[in-house]
Amino acid sequence: MNERQRSTYTLRLDDELKSWLAERAKKNDRSMNAEVVSLLRYARSFEEAKELKAA
């Protein structure tokens, strides 16, 4: 089995955003970290698709 390299990053959130993230993670049956990764991947794919349209 291939293990992917992972980096550690400390993320500071205000209380309101942290609560929103925690609720969203619970709703999606994910950890908060998995929710952040999912949101970042979604944002990246959205941005890449937008760039392709502009090209």
C-alpha atoms as a PDB file:
ATOM      1  CA  MET A   1       0.000   0.000   0.000  1.00  0.00           C
ATOM      2  CA  ASN A   2       1.322   3.418  -0.986  1.00  0.00           C
ATOM      3  CA  GLU A   3       1.260   6.034   1.731  1.00  0.00           C
ATOM      4  CA  ARG A   4       0.821   9.620   0.649  1.00  0.00           C
ATOM      5  CA  GLN A   5       2.997  12.243   2.223  1.00  0.00           C
ATOM      6  CA  ARG A   6       1.080  14.601   4.447  1.00  0.00           C
ATOM      7  CA  SER A   7       1.976  17.961   5.875  1.00  0.00           C
ATOM      8  CA  THR A   8       0.838  19.388   9.166  1.00  0.00           C
ATOM      9  CA  TYR A   9      -0.578  22.891   9.248  1.00  0.00           C
ATOM     10  CA  THR A  10      -1.989  24.781  12.208  1.00  0.00           C
ATOM     11  CA  LEU A  11      -5.149  26.628  11.290  1.00  0.00           C
ATOM     12  CA  ARG A  12      -6.534  29.447  13.424  1.00  0.00           C
ATOM     13  CA  LEU A  13     -10.284  30.014  13.151  1.00  0.00           C
ATOM     14  CA  ASP A  14     -12.581  32.432  14.883  1.00  0.00           C
ATOM     15  CA  ASP A  15     -15.239  30.777  17.070  1.00  0.00           C
ATOM     16  CA  GLU A  16     -18.074  31.330  14.596  1.00  0.00           C
ATOM     17  CA  LEU A  17     -16.213  29.741  11.694  1.00  0.00           C
ATOM     18  CA  LYS A  18     -15.030  26.859  13.868  1.00  0.00           C
ATOM     19  CA  SER A  19     -18.605  26.160  14.967  1.00  0.00           C
ATOM     20  CA  TRP A  20     -19.809  26.252  11.355  1.00  0.00           C
ATOM     21  CA  LEU A  21     -17.050  23.862  10.337  1.00  0.00           C
ATOM     22  CA  ALA A  22     -17.779  21.490  13.222  1.00  0.00           C
ATOM     23  CA  GLU A  23     -21.504  21.406  12.357  1.00  0.00           C
ATOM     24  CA  ARG A  24     -20.753  20.811   8.688  1.00  0.00           C
ATOM     25  CA  ALA A  25     -18.267  18.033   9.513  1.00  0.00           C
ATOM     26  CA  LYS A  26     -20.782  16.328  11.795  1.00  0.00           C
ATOM     27  CA  LYS A  27     -23.514  16.594   9.154  1.00  0.00           C
ATOM     28  CA  ASN A  28     -21.187  15.023   6.579  1.00  0.00           C
ATOM     29  CA  ASP A  29     -19.923  12.362   9.024  1.00  0.00           C
ATOM     30  CA  ARG A  30     -16.336  13.604   8.751  1.00  0.00           C
ATOM     31  CA  SER A  31     -13.667  14.872  11.082  1.00  0.00           C
ATOM     32  CA  MET A  32     -13.056  18.598  11.012  1.00  0.00           C
ATOM     33  CA  ASN A  33      -9.765  17.965   9.232  1.00  0.00           C
ATOM     34  CA  ALA A  34     -11.479  15.855   6.559  1.00  0.00           C
ATOM     35  CA  GLU A  35     -14.071  18.603   6.113  1.00  0.00           C
ATOM     36  CA  VAL A  36     -11.375  21.245   5.605  1.00  0.00           C
ATOM     37  CA  VAL A  37      -9.624  19.017   3.062  1.00  0.00           C
ATOM     38  CA  SER A  38     -12.903  18.401   1.243  1.00  0.00           C
ATOM     39  CA  LEU A  39     -13.703  22.117   1.092  1.00  0.00           C
ATOM     40  CA  LEU A  40     -10.217  22.960  -0.159  1.00  0.00           C
ATOM     41  CA  ARG A  41     -10.371  20.292  -2.855  1.00  0.00           C
ATOM     42  CA  TYR A  42     -13.779  21.590  -3.950  1.00  0.00           C
ATOM     43  CA  ALA A  43     -12.467  25.166  -4.072  1.00  0.00           C
ATOM     44  CA  ARG A  44      -9.426  24.080  -6.060  1.00  0.00           C
ATOM     45  CA  SER A  45     -11.482  22.160  -8.640  1.00  0.00           C
ATOM     46  CA  PHE A  46     -13.880  25.109  -8.947  1.00  0.00           C
ATOM     47  CA  GLU A  47     -10.978  27.494  -9.510  1.00  0.00           C
ATOM     48  CA  GLU A  48      -9.326  25.189 -12.055  1.00  0.00           C
ATOM     49  CA  ALA A  49     -12.602  24.823 -13.981  1.00  0.00           C
ATOM     50  CA  LYS A  50     -13.006  28.595 -13.979  1.00  0.00           C
ATOM     51  CA  GLU A  51      -9.480  29.003 -15.366  1.00  0.00           C
ATOM     52  CA  LEU A  52     -10.174  26.474 -18.126  1.00  0.00           C
ATOM     53  CA  LYS A  53     -13.272  28.423 -19.179  1.00  0.00           C
ATOM     54  CA  ALA A  54     -11.261  31.641 -19.312  1.00  0.00           C
ATOM     55  CA  ALA A  55      -8.553  30.076 -21.488  1.00  0.00           C
END
